[in-house]
Amino acid sequence: MSEALTKLQALIIAIIVIAAIGGGVAWYYMQQPKGVKIIWASTQLVPAQEQAFVKDTLLKEFTEETGIEVEFVPISYEDLATRLQSEEEAGKVTISVIGELHGGIDYFASQGWLEDLSKFGTLPDRTFPQVLEDYSRLHGIKAYIPWMTATYVMVVNKKAFDYLPEGLTEDDVIHGTSKWTYDALLAWAKKLYEETGGPKLGFPAGPNGLFVRFLHGYLYPAFTGAQVKNFNSDDAVALWEYLKNLWQYVHPSSTTWDAMADPLLKEEVWIAWDHTARIKDAIVQKPDQFVVVPVPAGPKGRGFILVIAGLAIPKGAPDQDAAWKLIEYLTRPETQVKVLENVGFFPTVKEASAKITSGPLKVLADGVNNQLNTPDALVALIPSLGAKGGDFKNVYITAFQRIVLNNEDIKTVLDELAPQLLSLFEETGAPLPPPDSMSG
């Protein structure tokens, strides 16, 4: 009898245990978002090779981890705006996540088409630079999570550090301290010129170079606090007087160079400014020879152009919890490093740099990260002028040619060109680009 009870008790206990385990397993699977499929529409990572990386690597790993399937929809800027407007007006939103540049997201937020992402809380174990946090808050909401960046930086051959001017240290330059200014750059370029026997500073000011971005997106914000609205101000006059002074120490072949990797590798210059993509070859070939550093600061701040891509959730989007999980995944440091390694966009979280232990990507990522995190960062965004974008660049190039190369009167040239510049924004209705809208 006693033995029978023991067997019966054992059987009951076994049934209870099996039921508990089965119930636990069932509960676990019920909590997983299996069967959820969301649409991620993106104007970024559209080229075929980049799409393959997104679908075969990024999203494959995400689905394996979460059970959430993602349909990646590469889309043009115009088509995304049209589709989102149509869905929002119809009240039938199908897109769960948007990948788009700052300018596009700014417009979507202005139309009330985006969710306020602050309702999802903060993302753990990652730190976004304050400048990106500030820019991602638009029209009263947290409009997007910073996703990827691209920018322009300075590259220094380590030989140049042997000629630093008095009061400026290697650490000042690498970390962009308050001592790393345009006046310090002038003193450094002058000393290099005098003590090495020739100019060692260079810019890509050739026919297809990007020097115009240095003019409107770096010097103008640094000296005037804006790209456009202070174009012919007294501060702008001081800017051009500075550039004329600096130019005597700039390599004369700068007006023929379209990219700075080769001049750096040939040691024609020891200090250069250019887009990260256009100096990458120099870093890849000689990662121990060069260091990527923040640009100098001017009287109004450390102006630099930043291309910012963000992730947003449309208002009324389906499966928003799954959408937030995708955003969380895409902004993990390790995921951002994969993006840098495979498609060349830079991370938006500080912790990503620590995941890159050595090599050329480490040199590039550290430089970009240091520039992004300078306390006096003054981010400039390229204006969205459509077909008038070329006219915008021509204004600054014309000013450079007439003032610096032809030695014409600064104020006369600026007063003549200012109405042309402002008319581009009046004709297109485009807003003045940051930092104009953020400066006094």
Protein backbone atom coordinates (compact mmCIF):
# COMPACT_ATOMS: atom_id res chain seq x y z
CA MET A 1 0.00 0.00 0.00
CA SER A 2 2.74 2.33 1.03
CA GLU A 3 4.76 1.41 -2.07
CA ALA A 4 1.67 2.01 -4.29
CA LEU A 5 1.17 5.45 -2.81
CA THR A 6 4.77 6.27 -3.41
CA LYS A 7 4.45 5.30 -7.09
CA LEU A 8 1.23 7.27 -7.39
CA GLN A 9 2.80 10.29 -5.76
CA ALA A 10 5.78 10.04 -8.05
CA LEU A 11 3.50 9.85 -11.06
CA ILE A 12 1.54 12.90 -9.94
CA ILE A 13 4.71 14.84 -9.29
CA ALA A 14 6.05 13.87 -12.72
CA ILE A 15 2.83 15.03 -14.38
CA ILE A 16 2.97 18.32 -12.49
CA VAL A 17 6.61 18.86 -13.45
CA ILE A 18 5.97 18.04 -17.10
CA ALA A 19 2.94 20.32 -17.13
CA ALA A 20 4.92 23.10 -15.50
CA ILE A 21 7.75 22.77 -17.99
CA GLY A 22 5.34 22.58 -20.87
CA GLY A 23 3.46 25.61 -19.58
CA GLY A 24 6.71 27.51 -19.14
CA VAL A 25 7.82 26.72 -22.63
CA ALA A 26 4.44 27.70 -24.00
CA TRP A 27 4.52 30.95 -22.01
CA TYR A 28 8.03 31.70 -23.28
CA TYR A 29 7.05 31.27 -26.88
CA MET A 30 3.90 33.30 -26.35
CA GLN A 31 6.11 36.18 -25.21
CA GLN A 32 8.23 36.02 -28.35
CA PRO A 33 7.03 38.25 -31.21
CA LYS A 34 6.91 35.31 -33.60
CA GLY A 35 4.90 35.93 -36.68
CA VAL A 36 5.56 39.66 -36.51
CA LYS A 37 6.77 41.16 -39.75
CA ILE A 38 7.54 44.84 -40.05
CA ILE A 39 8.49 47.15 -42.90
CA TRP A 40 11.66 49.21 -42.68
CA ALA A 41 11.72 51.86 -45.42
CA SER A 42 15.12 53.49 -45.87
CA THR A 43 16.66 56.07 -48.14
CA GLN A 44 20.07 54.88 -46.89
CA LEU A 45 22.00 51.69 -47.73
CA VAL A 46 20.18 51.59 -51.05
CA PRO A 47 22.99 50.49 -53.46
CA ALA A 48 22.82 46.79 -54.30
CA GLN A 49 25.94 45.84 -52.34
CA GLU A 50 24.72 47.70 -49.25
CA GLN A 51 21.26 46.15 -49.55
CA ALA A 52 22.87 42.71 -49.63
CA PHE A 53 24.71 43.49 -46.40
CA VAL A 54 21.49 44.68 -44.74
CA LYS A 55 19.41 41.68 -45.79
CA ASP A 56 21.99 38.88 -45.57
CA THR A 57 23.82 39.98 -42.45
CA LEU A 58 22.12 42.64 -40.35
CA LEU A 59 18.51 41.58 -40.63
CA LYS A 60 19.27 37.86 -40.73
CA GLU A 61 20.94 38.10 -37.34
CA PHE A 62 18.16 40.30 -35.98
CA THR A 63 15.47 37.83 -37.03
CA GLU A 64 17.38 34.90 -35.59
CA GLU A 65 17.61 36.71 -32.26
CA THR A 66 14.11 38.13 -31.99
CA GLY A 67 11.88 36.13 -34.31
CA ILE A 68 10.82 39.41 -35.91
CA GLU A 69 10.93 39.43 -39.69
CA VAL A 70 11.83 42.69 -41.41
CA GLU A 71 11.06 43.66 -44.98
CA PHE A 72 13.77 46.14 -45.99
CA VAL A 73 12.40 48.61 -48.53
CA PRO A 74 15.07 50.79 -50.18
CA ILE A 75 13.36 53.93 -51.37
CA SER A 76 14.16 57.36 -52.81
CA TYR A 77 13.76 60.54 -50.76
CA GLU A 78 10.83 61.67 -52.88
CA ASP A 79 9.04 58.31 -52.85
CA LEU A 80 9.40 57.97 -49.08
CA ALA A 81 7.87 61.40 -48.52
CA THR A 82 5.03 60.64 -50.91
CA ARG A 83 4.30 57.23 -49.43
CA LEU A 84 4.41 58.43 -45.84
CA GLN A 85 2.13 61.37 -46.58
CA SER A 86 -0.34 59.10 -48.34
CA GLU A 87 -0.40 56.56 -45.51
CA GLU A 88 -0.69 59.19 -42.79
CA GLU A 89 -3.54 60.99 -44.54
CA ALA A 90 -5.34 57.71 -45.17
CA GLY A 91 -4.80 56.55 -41.57
CA LYS A 92 -3.40 53.26 -42.84
CA VAL A 93 0.28 53.28 -41.97
CA THR A 94 2.25 50.21 -43.07
CA ILE A 95 5.82 51.39 -42.43
CA SER A 96 7.11 50.61 -38.94
CA VAL A 97 10.63 52.07 -39.17
CA ILE A 98 12.08 54.86 -41.29
CA GLY A 99 15.78 55.25 -42.10
CA GLU A 100 16.34 58.76 -43.45
CA LEU A 101 18.66 61.78 -43.33
CA HIS A 102 18.12 64.53 -40.77
CA GLY A 103 16.56 66.91 -43.30
CA GLY A 104 13.88 64.46 -44.36
CA ILE A 105 13.02 63.50 -40.80
CA ASP A 106 12.85 67.18 -39.89
CA TYR A 107 10.19 67.64 -42.56
CA PHE A 108 8.23 64.55 -41.45
CA ALA A 109 8.28 65.76 -37.85
CA SER A 110 7.10 69.21 -38.93
CA GLN A 111 4.06 67.54 -40.52
CA GLY A 112 3.22 65.58 -37.36
CA TRP A 113 3.92 62.24 -39.05
CA LEU A 114 6.28 60.80 -36.43
CA GLU A 115 5.93 59.22 -33.02
CA ASP A 116 7.69 60.85 -30.07
CA LEU A 117 10.36 58.22 -29.36
CA SER A 118 10.84 59.44 -25.79
CA LYS A 119 7.87 57.21 -24.86
CA PHE A 120 10.09 54.16 -25.40
CA GLY A 121 12.64 55.26 -22.79
CA THR A 122 16.40 55.24 -23.20
CA LEU A 123 18.56 52.70 -24.96
CA PRO A 124 20.97 50.89 -22.59
CA ASP A 125 24.76 50.59 -22.84
CA ARG A 126 25.29 53.29 -25.45
CA THR A 127 26.07 57.00 -25.36
CA PHE A 128 25.11 59.37 -28.15
CA PRO A 129 27.15 62.59 -28.47
CA GLN A 130 25.24 65.55 -27.10
CA VAL A 131 25.24 67.27 -30.47
CA LEU A 132 23.35 64.31 -31.98
CA GLU A 133 20.95 64.20 -29.05
CA ASP A 134 20.19 67.88 -29.60
CA TYR A 135 19.65 67.54 -33.35
CA SER A 136 17.37 64.52 -33.00
CA ARG A 137 14.84 66.57 -31.02
CA LEU A 138 12.64 68.27 -33.59
CA HIS A 139 9.39 70.19 -33.32
CA GLY A 140 8.92 69.33 -29.68
CA ILE A 141 9.51 65.57 -29.88
CA LYS A 142 12.32 63.04 -29.88
CA ALA A 143 11.96 62.55 -33.61
CA TYR A 144 14.68 60.01 -34.32
CA ILE A 145 17.49 57.92 -32.92
CA PRO A 146 20.86 58.83 -34.50
CA TRP A 147 21.88 55.88 -36.68
CA MET A 148 24.89 56.65 -38.89
CA THR A 149 27.10 59.61 -39.75
CA ALA A 150 29.57 60.80 -42.38
CA THR A 151 31.76 63.88 -42.19
CA TYR A 152 34.94 65.67 -43.20
CA VAL A 153 38.02 65.79 -40.97
CA MET A 154 41.66 66.80 -40.87
CA VAL A 155 44.49 64.31 -41.32
CA VAL A 156 47.93 64.93 -39.83
CA ASN A 157 51.16 63.21 -40.74
CA LYS A 158 52.79 62.53 -37.37
CA LYS A 159 55.96 64.28 -38.62
CA ALA A 160 54.07 67.56 -38.37
CA PHE A 161 53.81 67.23 -34.59
CA ASP A 162 57.55 67.99 -34.41
CA TYR A 163 56.75 71.52 -35.60
CA LEU A 164 53.85 72.46 -33.33
CA PRO A 165 53.71 76.19 -32.48
CA GLU A 166 54.31 77.30 -28.92
CA GLY A 167 51.39 76.57 -26.59
CA LEU A 168 49.82 73.86 -28.78
CA THR A 169 50.28 70.19 -27.92
CA GLU A 170 49.67 66.98 -29.82
CA ASP A 171 46.90 66.16 -27.35
CA ASP A 172 45.22 69.54 -28.05
CA VAL A 173 45.02 68.69 -31.74
CA ILE A 174 43.95 65.07 -31.39
CA HIS A 175 41.20 65.78 -28.89
CA GLY A 176 40.14 69.18 -30.20
CA THR A 177 40.74 71.24 -27.06
CA SER A 178 40.09 74.97 -26.85
CA LYS A 179 43.72 75.58 -27.89
CA TRP A 180 43.18 73.89 -31.27
CA THR A 181 41.93 76.97 -33.14
CA TYR A 182 42.23 78.43 -36.62
CA ASP A 183 44.82 80.86 -35.26
CA ALA A 184 46.79 77.84 -34.02
CA LEU A 185 46.48 76.24 -37.46
CA LEU A 186 47.84 79.43 -39.04
CA ALA A 187 50.81 79.46 -36.66
CA TRP A 188 51.45 75.76 -37.30
CA ALA A 189 51.26 76.12 -41.10
CA LYS A 190 53.61 79.12 -40.94
CA LYS A 191 56.14 77.25 -38.81
CA LEU A 192 56.00 74.22 -41.10
CA TYR A 193 56.51 76.46 -44.12
CA GLU A 194 59.48 78.25 -42.61
CA GLU A 195 61.23 75.26 -41.03
CA THR A 196 60.69 72.59 -43.70
CA GLY A 197 61.25 74.81 -46.70
CA GLY A 198 57.77 74.72 -48.19
CA PRO A 199 54.01 74.59 -47.58
CA LYS A 200 52.76 71.51 -45.78
CA LEU A 201 49.04 72.30 -45.57
CA GLY A 202 46.69 71.27 -48.37
CA PHE A 203 43.04 71.33 -49.43
CA PRO A 204 41.08 69.60 -52.23
CA ALA A 205 40.37 72.84 -54.12
CA GLY A 206 40.56 71.28 -57.59
CA PRO A 207 37.67 71.25 -60.10
CA ASN A 208 36.07 68.18 -58.52
CA GLY A 209 37.33 68.69 -54.99
CA LEU A 210 35.13 69.34 -51.98
CA PHE A 211 36.86 72.49 -50.75
CA VAL A 212 33.58 74.40 -51.09
CA ARG A 213 32.24 72.36 -48.15
CA PHE A 214 35.14 73.70 -46.07
CA LEU A 215 34.11 77.24 -46.95
CA HIS A 216 30.38 77.13 -46.20
CA GLY A 217 30.26 74.30 -43.66
CA TYR A 218 33.44 74.86 -41.66
CA LEU A 219 34.86 78.38 -41.90
CA TYR A 220 31.54 80.22 -42.06
CA PRO A 221 30.00 78.57 -38.96
CA ALA A 222 33.31 78.83 -37.08
CA PHE A 223 33.74 82.55 -37.80
CA THR A 224 30.16 83.81 -38.20
CA GLY A 225 28.00 81.24 -36.41
CA ALA A 226 26.04 80.50 -39.59
CA GLN A 227 26.46 79.21 -43.14
CA VAL A 228 24.24 81.67 -44.99
CA LYS A 229 22.62 84.50 -43.08
CA ASN A 230 25.88 86.17 -42.02
CA PHE A 231 27.46 85.80 -45.45
CA ASN A 232 28.54 89.47 -45.82
CA SER A 233 28.78 90.38 -42.13
CA ASP A 234 31.81 91.90 -40.40
CA ASP A 235 32.56 88.44 -39.03
CA ALA A 236 32.60 87.14 -42.60
CA VAL A 237 35.07 89.84 -43.59
CA ALA A 238 37.32 88.65 -40.75
CA LEU A 239 36.93 85.08 -42.06
CA TRP A 240 38.14 85.99 -45.53
CA GLU A 241 41.01 88.10 -44.16
CA TYR A 242 42.05 85.00 -42.20
CA LEU A 243 41.84 82.72 -45.23
CA LYS A 244 43.90 85.10 -47.35
CA ASN A 245 46.54 85.08 -44.64
CA LEU A 246 46.46 81.28 -44.30
CA TRP A 247 46.59 80.69 -48.05
CA GLN A 248 50.19 81.88 -48.32
CA TYR A 249 51.16 78.72 -46.40
CA VAL A 250 48.86 76.39 -48.38
CA HIS A 251 50.41 74.16 -51.05
CA PRO A 252 49.87 75.82 -54.46
CA SER A 253 48.82 72.52 -56.03
CA SER A 254 45.72 72.58 -53.82
CA THR A 255 43.77 74.23 -56.65
CA THR A 256 44.43 71.12 -58.78
CA TRP A 257 43.76 68.43 -56.17
CA ASP A 258 40.34 66.75 -56.04
CA ALA A 259 41.18 64.44 -53.13
CA MET A 260 43.90 64.48 -50.49
CA ALA A 261 44.88 60.80 -50.08
CA ASP A 262 47.63 60.91 -52.73
CA PRO A 263 49.20 64.22 -51.61
CA LEU A 264 49.29 62.81 -48.08
CA LEU A 265 50.85 59.52 -49.16
CA LYS A 266 53.44 61.34 -51.32
CA GLU A 267 54.12 63.68 -48.38
CA GLU A 268 53.46 66.71 -50.55
CA VAL A 269 51.46 67.91 -47.54
CA TRP A 270 51.53 66.90 -43.90
CA ILE A 271 48.19 68.40 -42.90
CA ALA A 272 45.07 68.06 -45.05
CA TRP A 273 41.31 68.46 -44.84
CA ASP A 274 38.87 66.30 -46.84
CA HIS A 275 35.89 63.94 -46.72
CA THR A 276 36.54 60.74 -44.76
CA ALA A 277 35.96 58.66 -47.89
CA ARG A 278 38.61 60.63 -49.78
CA ILE A 279 41.38 60.28 -47.22
CA LYS A 280 40.61 56.67 -46.36
CA ASP A 281 43.22 55.24 -48.77
CA ALA A 282 46.01 57.12 -47.00
CA ILE A 283 44.88 55.78 -43.63
CA VAL A 284 44.47 52.23 -44.95
CA GLN A 285 47.92 52.20 -46.55
CA LYS A 286 49.79 53.83 -43.66
CA PRO A 287 47.68 53.67 -40.51
CA ASP A 288 50.73 54.24 -38.31
CA GLN A 289 51.81 57.35 -40.19
CA PHE A 290 48.65 59.43 -39.93
CA VAL A 291 46.20 60.55 -37.29
CA VAL A 292 42.69 61.83 -37.97
CA VAL A 293 41.85 64.88 -35.86
CA PRO A 294 38.98 67.31 -35.29
CA VAL A 295 39.01 70.51 -37.29
CA PRO A 296 40.11 73.71 -35.51
CA ALA A 297 37.66 75.99 -33.72
CA GLY A 298 36.88 79.58 -34.68
CA PRO A 299 35.49 82.50 -32.67
CA LYS A 300 31.93 81.09 -32.84
CA GLY A 301 32.71 77.41 -32.33
CA ARG A 302 34.05 74.32 -34.05
CA GLY A 303 32.03 74.29 -37.26
CA PHE A 304 31.83 71.07 -39.25
CA ILE A 305 29.46 69.37 -41.62
CA LEU A 306 27.79 66.24 -40.40
CA VAL A 307 25.68 63.96 -42.52
CA ILE A 308 23.25 62.43 -40.03
CA ALA A 309 21.03 59.45 -40.78
CA GLY A 310 18.37 58.63 -38.20
CA LEU A 311 15.77 55.97 -37.39
CA ALA A 312 12.19 57.05 -36.76
CA ILE A 313 8.77 55.48 -36.25
CA PRO A 314 5.81 56.92 -38.18
CA LYS A 315 2.76 58.09 -36.26
CA GLY A 316 0.33 55.20 -35.98
CA ALA A 317 2.87 52.66 -37.24
CA PRO A 318 2.02 48.96 -36.67
CA ASP A 319 4.04 46.76 -34.29
CA GLN A 320 5.85 49.64 -32.63
CA ASP A 321 7.44 47.44 -29.97
CA ALA A 322 9.03 45.37 -32.74
CA ALA A 323 10.10 48.58 -34.48
CA TRP A 324 11.80 49.78 -31.30
CA LYS A 325 13.58 46.40 -30.98
CA LEU A 326 14.98 46.92 -34.50
CA ILE A 327 16.17 50.42 -33.61
CA GLU A 328 17.76 49.06 -30.45
CA TYR A 329 19.57 46.41 -32.49
CA LEU A 330 20.78 48.82 -35.19
CA THR A 331 22.28 51.21 -32.64
CA ARG A 332 24.18 48.62 -30.60
CA PRO A 333 27.93 49.38 -30.65
CA GLU A 334 28.78 46.00 -32.19
CA THR A 335 26.15 46.44 -34.92
CA GLN A 336 27.45 49.91 -35.72
CA VAL A 337 30.99 48.57 -36.09
CA LYS A 338 29.71 46.05 -38.64
CA VAL A 339 28.12 48.90 -40.58
CA LEU A 340 31.40 50.84 -40.56
CA GLU A 341 33.38 47.79 -41.69
CA ASN A 342 30.98 46.89 -44.48
CA VAL A 343 29.55 50.15 -45.85
CA GLY A 344 31.75 52.89 -44.36
CA PHE A 345 29.21 54.90 -42.37
CA PHE A 346 30.47 55.97 -38.96
CA PRO A 347 28.89 55.00 -35.62
CA THR A 348 26.72 57.36 -33.62
CA VAL A 349 27.51 55.83 -30.23
CA LYS A 350 30.73 56.44 -28.33
CA GLU A 351 31.05 52.82 -27.24
CA ALA A 352 31.50 51.64 -30.85
CA SER A 353 35.05 53.04 -31.07
CA ALA A 354 36.10 50.81 -28.19
CA LYS A 355 34.98 47.78 -30.22
CA ILE A 356 37.56 48.61 -32.91
CA THR A 357 40.88 47.68 -31.39
CA SER A 358 43.37 48.60 -34.11
CA GLY A 359 44.00 49.34 -37.77
CA PRO A 360 42.88 52.06 -40.16
CA LEU A 361 39.22 51.91 -39.13
CA LYS A 362 40.33 52.63 -35.57
CA VAL A 363 42.27 55.70 -36.75
CA LEU A 364 39.28 56.99 -38.72
CA ALA A 365 36.66 56.19 -36.10
CA ASP A 366 38.65 57.78 -33.29
CA GLY A 367 39.10 60.99 -35.27
CA VAL A 368 35.44 61.24 -36.20
CA ASN A 369 34.40 60.40 -32.66
CA ASN A 370 36.73 63.03 -31.17
CA GLN A 371 35.34 65.67 -33.51
CA LEU A 372 31.74 64.75 -32.72
CA ASN A 373 32.38 64.98 -28.99
CA THR A 374 34.17 68.32 -28.86
CA PRO A 375 32.24 70.55 -26.42
CA ASP A 376 32.23 73.49 -28.86
CA ALA A 377 30.92 71.46 -31.81
CA LEU A 378 28.83 73.57 -34.18
CA VAL A 379 27.23 71.19 -36.63
CA ALA A 380 26.37 72.38 -40.13
CA LEU A 381 24.01 70.47 -42.38
CA ILE A 382 24.11 70.71 -46.17
CA PRO A 383 21.00 72.61 -47.36
CA SER A 384 18.35 70.82 -49.41
CA LEU A 385 18.15 73.07 -52.48
CA GLY A 386 17.52 70.40 -55.09
CA ALA A 387 18.61 71.56 -58.52
CA LYS A 388 19.84 74.85 -57.02
CA GLY A 389 22.50 73.05 -54.98
CA GLY A 390 25.13 73.79 -57.63
CA ASP A 391 24.29 77.51 -57.57
CA PHE A 392 24.72 77.48 -53.80
CA LYS A 393 28.24 76.07 -54.10
CA ASN A 394 29.12 78.47 -56.91
CA VAL A 395 28.52 81.48 -54.65
CA TYR A 396 31.19 80.36 -52.18
CA ILE A 397 33.63 79.22 -54.87
CA THR A 398 33.24 82.54 -56.66
CA ALA A 399 33.91 84.41 -53.42
CA PHE A 400 37.04 82.31 -52.87
CA GLN A 401 38.35 82.88 -56.38
CA ARG A 402 37.69 86.63 -56.36
CA ILE A 403 38.88 87.34 -52.81
CA VAL A 404 41.72 84.88 -52.20
CA LEU A 405 43.04 84.11 -55.67
CA ASN A 406 42.30 87.46 -57.39
CA ASN A 407 42.74 89.69 -54.32
CA GLU A 408 39.52 91.65 -54.86
CA ASP A 409 38.00 93.78 -52.09
CA ILE A 410 36.34 91.47 -49.57
CA LYS A 411 33.32 93.56 -48.64
CA THR A 412 32.55 94.48 -52.25
CA VAL A 413 32.57 90.84 -53.34
CA LEU A 414 30.45 89.64 -50.42
CA ASP A 415 27.86 92.40 -50.87
CA GLU A 416 27.53 91.51 -54.53
CA LEU A 417 27.10 87.79 -53.90
CA ALA A 418 24.88 87.91 -50.79
CA PRO A 419 21.61 88.64 -52.69
CA GLN A 420 22.33 85.73 -55.06
CA LEU A 421 22.80 83.40 -52.12
CA LEU A 422 19.66 84.42 -50.26
CA SER A 423 17.55 84.31 -53.45
CA LEU A 424 18.26 80.58 -53.75
CA PHE A 425 16.38 79.97 -50.51
CA GLU A 426 13.60 82.39 -51.42
CA GLU A 427 13.09 80.75 -54.83
CA THR A 428 13.03 77.20 -53.52
CA GLY A 429 11.35 77.87 -50.20
CA ALA A 430 14.04 75.78 -48.51
CA PRO A 431 14.78 76.70 -44.88
CA LEU A 432 18.21 78.02 -43.98
CA PRO A 433 20.32 75.04 -42.92
CA PRO A 434 21.65 74.56 -39.40
CA PRO A 435 23.39 76.17 -37.62
CA ASP A 436 21.68 79.27 -39.09
CA SER A 437 18.36 78.32 -37.53
CA MET A 438 20.05 77.74 -34.18
CA SER A 439 22.24 80.85 -33.97
CA GLY A 440 21.30 84.35 -32.89
